[in-house]
Every structure is written in structure tokens, then in C-alpha cells.
Amino acid sequence: MNSKQRMAAAMGGGRVDRVPVMCQLALGHYFLNCGAAGSEIWFDSETFARALIELQQRYGFDGVLVNLPGRPANWRKYLASQRVEDGREVLEWVCGAVTVVPGDDNAQGYGPGRTPLPRVNYASVDVKDPATYRTAGYLWNTWHAPGLWDIPDDAYLGDVGAYPRWFTSALEAAQRLGPEVSVHAEVFSPFTHLMELFGYEQALMALVDAPATCRALLEEFTRIVLAQVKVCGRCRPDAVLVSSAFAGAGFISRAMYREFVMPYEDAVFAAIHRLGTPSYVHTCGAIGDRLDLMAQTCVDGIDTLDPPPLGTVDLARAKADYGQRFFFKGNLDAVHEMLQADDAAFEAAVRRRLEIGMTGGRYILSSACSVAPRVRPQRLIRMVELAQRYGKY
């Protein structure tokens, strides 16, 4: 089987030759281990796609996640200046925005003079007036600095026609460069958009103080995400990940999850299904208490599955209770078992996940969350070697 076939079988419950391996790598890992500058990987779709496939081939992974939207090919024309300052790239744009790119971490966006990007006040937002909530801070999360490009400020993001042709350029480039690789697209959960709109602390307060406003905004964000699913769907990705990082027990209760997450994400999962494409959801941290709620949606798979102490998922129990309902991807502690563990402990952790996960199939070996920037490349190569040796069916 090639990688695309192996991943499709694992996600669909079919017969596989071995457990597939697919880790999401932190962007900083690409910055450190590919030859291109971080700003080139972050802002140039072709460079980003080449980095994805380069490390996929180097490590032997079966899939890649295209977790940045495309950029216009002429993005450099929007630059006013570029320099290195204290080991960080600093990009200043003609619109006044500033992007700082560390050598081993995500790029950070700022307003003119490196002022913080604005957040919306939930007490004064008017859902019927987009001007009250389409701020630079929120749009940066959606488009990764749309003010840099020729996108109308009043473009309605719930309209498929609002998305420029280059929005899927990184996804298309990865598909072209890795024709036998399982290439996955990513969209953000409506709940993630809400968290980014208000800022995390204020968003959690808004759930309590202004639940009706939150529900109205979540409906609007759902329309936006559905449009993005349709745009990505034109490229026929092998799967679509819904990033819902902040929906675990460390942020919200089961009751809030049921009210503010489930119905909106379920609409997104249903739209992905209409494409004939598998869906899965990425939620960090403590989700062991809400796997049953996730099972009430139509999502096909669950990503991360953080084990203690980072999370609350015991893989053996999750497989016993929900192994026929979901495909699972993850459960390796990205900090204690991958970054900090010695080789013996790391290999024992990998073999333990393989032994548990391959029972009944439908398992993809992966780090729980993103592979940290400074995890040694040889460790990831070894991870695939162990899957090839001990993960055969």
C-alpha cells in the first residue's frame, strides 16, 4: 500500500498492512529543519508545501496537514521592509502591520509600531453590524493578515466567492508534490473563531455573561467555516481536520461543550461528509469526559487524545468504548514521551501505543498535539521504523 491508501483504509475502517504514522509538526520544527527562512515558509505557499513534503519524505510519514491557508504569489510586493533583529525576522508591511517570525515558533502579528492586535468587546458587539467584529485581530486568525492583501474589508466570508483563488494554493501545491501522500486540509471550529474574536479570557466570560450573543456569533462563524469547507473541497483533500483546540475540560464544561461547540461543529462535519471526505477534530488537553458527546456528532475521527498529565485520555479505554465509532490519531505525549524522554522510554511509549491502537484497526500513530520544534528528527524517523516493525497487521 502507498501512504494515501494506508491512511484512507485506517480512517475508513478498511484493511491496512500496518499502522500509518502522521504527526502534525509545529511550524517552528519546519523553520529549524528545512533550508528556507521562517518567513518564506510562513508566507510563501509553494515554500510551505515543499517543507511539508520534504519532512514527510525525510521522516516517512504517511500524511501531511496543510495548516496554513494559501497566500498570493506576489505577497512580497506588500512588504515595506524586512530585517533580522535579535535572531528574529521582522517584516513591516505597507499597510503598517508588523510580523515577527522567531526562529523556532509561529509568526506573531502586530499593528503599527508593534501594538497588540485589537480584540472585540463582547458587551458592545452588534452581530447585525459586521463592522463591530471584523477587526484586524480576528481576521488575522482567519486569513493570516488579510489586510496585507487586496481583499475588500467588507468581503462576506460566508460567501464562497469571497475567497481568492490563492486561498487553496498551499493545499494544491502539497497535493502536486506528494501525489501518493494523504494530504489533509484544516479549518477552524466556529468555537475557535469565537475565542480568537474576544480573546480567551474575555471569550470565556462572554459564554457566561452574553450567551445569546455568543450563539448568534457562532451561527455566523459556522457559515464562514462552511464556505471554507466548500472552497477546500474543490481540491478534494484526503481528509479535513476541524481545529477545536480550546473545547476541552481545561476551558469549558460538558454543558458548555454541548451548547456552544457540538451543534456548530456538527454542521461542519456534515458539510465535510457531503464532500465524500473523512472529517476529524483536534481538541487539546482533557477530553476524556466528552468523548461520548463527540460520539453524538457525525465526526469520523478524533485527534490528539492527550494522555495524563497533559490530558485525560487512556487509549485502551477509549479504544474499548469508542474504537468502532471513531478512528483515533495520537495519544503520544508530545512533551514527556517525545521531547524529554530518553530513547528507551520513547520507544517503549511508541510500542505501547501500537499494541493498543492496532487492536481493531482504525488507529494512526501520532503525537497527541504538535511535535515540538526541537524534537530530534532522528526520533521521528525511529517512530516510523517502529511502526514498520511492530505495527504490521
Foldseek 3Di string as FASTA:
>chain_A
DFLLVQVLCLLVLHDHQFFAADAAAALLLLLVPPDDHSVCLQAALLNVLCSQVVLCVVQVHQAYEPEAWFHDNPLCVQWPDWDADPQWIWTAGPVQKIWIGHSRHDIDIAGHPRHHWDAAQLVPDDLVDVVRQLGQQLVCVQHVRCVSDPQDSPQQLLDLVSDDPRRCVNQLSNCVVCVRGQYEYEDEALLVSLCRRHPPVSSLVCCVVPVVSLVSSSVSSLSNRLSVLVNNLVSPHQEYEYEDAQLAPVRDDLVCCLVRGQVSVLVNQVSNVVSVHAYEYAYWAECPVCPVVVLVGQHAAYAQQAPPPRYPHDLLVCCVVCVVRHQYEAHAALPVQFAPDDPVSNLVSLLVCLVRRPVSRSYHYYHSHHRRSPRDSVSSSVSVVSRVVRGGD
